[in-house]
Amino acid sequence: MTNILCRKFELQTTQEDLQQAFAQYGGVERVNIVTDRDSGQPRGFAFVEMTERRDAETAIAQLNGAEMNGRALNVNEARPKPAGGSGGGAGRGRGGSGGGGGRGGGGGSRW
């Protein structure tokens, strides 16, 4: 199974739109459009899981830069999150952590 990151699509694009686009190149296991947890609105990127690596590579090559609903897609293989990384979000909802402060700070406890 190959996980593909699809970005920069029009926010009105549906899971069915992406399913159909990728299915032209092989079996699609799942399409997940990422949404904002507060508003529920699409964030403009999705993950597509394709069954066969060869088919996924073809889909990436054919769909990267292709236009869908008036916008050019950015399509590439998804990379796993780095181990121990925060995954972004700028600490939303975590309150102040006090002191220190620069990016990439030291190795102390986060809490």
Protein backbone atom coordinates (compact mmCIF):
# COMPACT_ATOMS: atom_id res chain seq x y z
CA MET A 1 0.00 0.00 0.00
CA THR A 2 1.28 3.47 -0.90
CA ASN A 3 0.13 6.64 0.84
CA ILE A 4 -0.06 9.72 -1.39
CA LEU A 5 -0.31 13.36 -0.33
CA CYS A 6 -2.48 15.50 -2.59
CA ARG A 7 -2.37 19.26 -1.97
CA LYS A 8 -3.55 22.58 -3.39
CA PHE A 9 -6.90 21.36 -4.68
CA GLU A 10 -10.02 23.51 -4.79
CA LEU A 11 -11.81 23.35 -1.43
CA GLN A 12 -15.05 22.22 -3.12
CA THR A 13 -13.27 19.08 -4.35
CA THR A 14 -14.91 15.97 -2.89
CA GLN A 15 -13.59 12.58 -1.87
CA GLU A 16 -15.43 11.18 -4.89
CA ASP A 17 -13.58 13.60 -7.20
CA LEU A 18 -10.22 12.43 -5.86
CA GLN A 19 -11.31 8.77 -5.86
CA GLN A 20 -12.22 8.99 -9.54
CA ALA A 21 -9.02 10.81 -10.51
CA PHE A 22 -6.72 8.30 -8.80
CA ALA A 23 -8.78 5.22 -9.73
CA GLN A 24 -7.87 5.83 -13.38
CA TYR A 25 -4.42 4.51 -12.49
CA GLY A 26 -5.27 1.60 -10.17
CA GLY A 27 -6.97 0.46 -7.00
CA VAL A 28 -7.75 3.14 -4.42
CA GLU A 29 -8.17 1.85 -0.87
CA ARG A 30 -9.08 5.12 0.83
CA VAL A 31 -9.34 8.88 0.32
CA ASN A 32 -9.19 11.15 3.36
CA ILE A 33 -9.67 14.90 2.89
CA VAL A 34 -8.18 16.58 5.97
CA THR A 35 -10.52 19.05 7.67
CA ASP A 36 -10.08 21.73 10.31
CA ARG A 37 -11.03 20.27 13.67
CA ASP A 38 -12.85 23.43 14.76
CA SER A 39 -14.76 24.44 11.63
CA GLY A 40 -14.94 21.09 9.81
CA GLN A 41 -13.91 22.86 6.60
CA PRO A 42 -11.39 21.21 4.23
CA ARG A 43 -7.79 22.33 4.74
CA GLY A 44 -6.83 21.86 1.08
CA PHE A 45 -4.99 18.57 1.29
CA ALA A 46 -5.82 14.89 1.35
CA PHE A 47 -4.26 11.48 1.69
CA VAL A 48 -4.97 8.82 -0.91
CA GLU A 49 -4.01 5.19 -0.30
CA MET A 50 -3.41 3.09 -3.39
CA THR A 51 -3.08 -0.68 -3.33
CA GLU A 52 -0.13 -1.13 -5.70
CA ARG A 53 3.07 0.93 -5.55
CA ARG A 54 3.49 0.83 -9.35
CA ASP A 55 -0.01 2.26 -9.84
CA ALA A 56 0.62 4.93 -7.18
CA GLU A 57 3.84 6.00 -8.90
CA THR A 58 1.98 6.32 -12.20
CA ALA A 59 -0.83 8.32 -10.55
CA ILE A 60 1.70 10.65 -8.92
CA ALA A 61 3.49 11.22 -12.23
CA GLN A 62 0.26 11.84 -14.14
CA LEU A 63 -1.65 13.90 -11.56
CA ASN A 64 1.13 16.11 -10.18
CA GLY A 65 0.48 19.48 -11.86
CA ALA A 66 -2.76 18.29 -13.46
CA GLU A 67 -5.73 20.62 -13.18
CA MET A 68 -8.78 19.62 -11.16
CA ASN A 69 -11.69 22.01 -10.63
CA GLY A 70 -9.59 24.92 -11.85
CA ARG A 71 -6.44 24.37 -9.77
CA ALA A 72 -3.20 22.51 -10.39
CA LEU A 73 -2.71 19.60 -7.99
CA ASN A 74 0.48 19.00 -6.03
CA VAL A 75 0.80 15.22 -5.70
CA ASN A 76 3.65 13.21 -4.16
CA GLU A 77 4.27 10.24 -1.95
CA ALA A 78 3.42 11.00 1.67
CA ARG A 79 6.33 10.79 4.08
CA PRO A 80 5.87 9.46 7.60
CA LYS A 81 5.87 12.01 10.41
CA PRO A 82 9.31 12.32 12.02
CA ALA A 83 9.56 10.37 15.28
CA GLY A 84 9.05 12.60 18.30
CA GLY A 85 7.96 15.56 16.19
CA SER A 86 5.05 17.72 17.20
CA GLY A 87 3.45 17.57 13.77
CA GLY A 88 2.83 21.33 13.63
CA GLY A 89 -0.18 23.27 14.80
CA ALA A 90 1.91 25.91 16.62
CA GLY A 91 0.91 24.57 20.01
CA ARG A 92 -2.74 25.39 19.44
CA GLY A 93 -4.85 24.65 22.49
CA ARG A 94 -1.92 23.86 24.75
CA GLY A 95 -1.62 27.07 26.70
CA GLY A 96 1.64 28.74 27.60
CA SER A 97 4.63 26.61 28.35
CA GLY A 98 6.56 29.38 30.02
CA GLY A 99 10.14 30.48 29.53
CA GLY A 100 12.70 29.72 26.93
CA GLY A 101 11.11 30.11 23.73
CA GLY A 102 13.02 29.82 20.48
CA ARG A 103 12.30 27.29 17.81
CA GLY A 104 13.89 23.87 18.07
CA GLY A 105 14.52 24.40 21.77
CA GLY A 106 16.36 22.12 24.14
CA GLY A 107 15.69 18.62 25.27
CA GLY A 108 13.71 19.22 28.46
CA SER A 109 10.24 17.96 29.22
CA ARG A 110 7.42 19.50 27.18
CA TRP A 111 5.00 19.53 30.12
